[in-house]
Protein backbone atom coordinates (compact mmCIF):
# COMPACT_ATOMS: atom_id res chain seq x y z
CA MET A 1 -3.84 7.93 -40.98
CA GLU A 2 -6.96 9.20 -42.72
CA LYS A 3 -6.91 12.47 -44.60
CA VAL A 4 -8.71 15.38 -42.98
CA LEU A 5 -11.44 15.60 -45.62
CA ASP A 6 -12.11 11.86 -45.34
CA ARG A 7 -13.28 12.15 -41.73
CA LYS A 8 -16.90 11.38 -40.92
CA ILE A 9 -18.85 14.18 -39.25
CA LYS A 10 -21.96 13.50 -37.17
CA MET A 11 -24.45 16.35 -37.57
CA ILE A 12 -26.91 16.46 -34.67
CA TRP A 13 -30.37 17.94 -34.19
CA ASP A 14 -31.80 18.18 -30.65
CA PHE A 15 -35.52 17.89 -29.99
CA ARG A 16 -37.03 18.75 -26.62
CA GLY A 17 -40.48 18.58 -25.11
CA PRO A 18 -43.16 15.92 -24.70
CA GLY A 19 -43.14 15.04 -28.42
CA ALA A 20 -39.34 14.92 -28.77
CA SER A 21 -39.04 11.20 -29.56
CA GLY A 22 -41.70 11.25 -32.28
CA THR A 23 -40.32 14.42 -33.81
CA ALA A 24 -36.78 13.00 -33.86
CA GLU A 25 -37.91 9.79 -35.54
CA HIS A 26 -39.92 11.75 -38.12
CA TYR A 27 -36.98 14.04 -38.87
CA GLN A 28 -34.75 11.01 -39.41
CA LYS A 29 -36.99 9.95 -42.32
CA HIS A 30 -36.44 13.34 -43.95
CA LEU A 31 -32.67 13.01 -43.51
CA GLU A 32 -32.76 9.58 -45.16
CA GLU A 33 -34.63 11.09 -48.13
CA PHE A 34 -32.11 13.94 -48.32
CA ILE A 35 -29.20 11.48 -48.46
CA VAL A 36 -30.74 9.69 -51.46
CA ILE A 37 -31.69 12.88 -53.32
CA GLU A 38 -28.30 14.52 -52.79
CA GLU A 39 -26.35 11.27 -53.37
CA LEU A 40 -24.25 11.72 -50.24
CA LYS A 41 -21.30 9.45 -49.55
CA PHE A 42 -22.71 7.83 -46.39
CA ASP A 43 -26.20 6.68 -45.48
CA ILE A 44 -25.76 6.71 -41.72
CA THR A 45 -28.60 8.19 -39.66
CA GLY A 46 -30.12 7.48 -36.29
CA CYS A 47 -32.07 8.60 -33.26
CA GLN A 48 -31.14 8.51 -29.62
CA HIS A 49 -33.57 9.11 -26.77
CA TYR A 50 -32.02 10.53 -23.61
CA SER A 51 -35.18 11.17 -21.62
CA PRO A 52 -38.93 11.46 -22.25
CA THR A 53 -38.35 15.09 -23.22
CA HIS A 54 -34.97 15.01 -25.02
CA SER A 55 -34.12 13.11 -28.19
CA ILE A 56 -31.66 13.65 -31.01
CA THR A 57 -31.52 12.75 -34.66
CA TYR A 58 -28.19 12.53 -36.43
CA MET A 59 -26.75 12.12 -39.89
CA VAL A 60 -23.15 11.35 -40.82
CA VAL A 61 -21.52 13.14 -43.75
CA ALA A 62 -18.06 13.12 -45.27
CA GLU A 63 -16.12 16.19 -44.22
CA PHE A 64 -15.88 17.44 -47.81
CA GLU A 65 -19.73 17.53 -47.88
CA LEU A 66 -20.04 19.28 -44.52
CA LYS A 67 -20.21 22.95 -45.47
CA GLU A 68 -22.84 22.54 -48.19
CA VAL A 69 -25.04 20.17 -46.17
CA LYS A 70 -24.66 22.24 -42.99
CA ASP A 71 -25.76 25.40 -44.81
CA ILE A 72 -28.87 23.63 -46.13
CA LEU A 73 -29.95 21.62 -43.07
CA LYS A 74 -28.64 23.79 -40.21
CA PRO A 75 -27.81 21.17 -37.56
CA HIS A 76 -27.68 22.28 -33.94
CA ARG A 77 -24.22 20.83 -33.37
CA GLY A 78 -21.73 18.27 -34.65
CA GLU A 79 -18.85 16.04 -33.73
CA ILE A 80 -16.35 13.75 -35.38
CA TYR A 81 -18.01 10.37 -35.92
CA THR A 82 -16.31 7.13 -35.06
CA ASP A 83 -17.79 3.81 -36.08
CA GLU A 84 -19.70 2.68 -33.01
CA VAL A 85 -19.59 -1.00 -32.17
């Protein structure tokens, strides 16, 4: 059983409107840069497009990094991340 602070947390940003997909993909690049600069434990990011007007960008952090990163980047929501196959 993994320790609580070892869990992976998926921080999510929602983008809506006609430019949602482009904005989400652009934001992902900034998250990738942030991971390198801050030397975060994981380098997991991604985009998902739900409709022409709703896309998300996400970044996965270790739970012990969550509070600091959340305060800086202000995600819209989050969930526990499981390795997707």
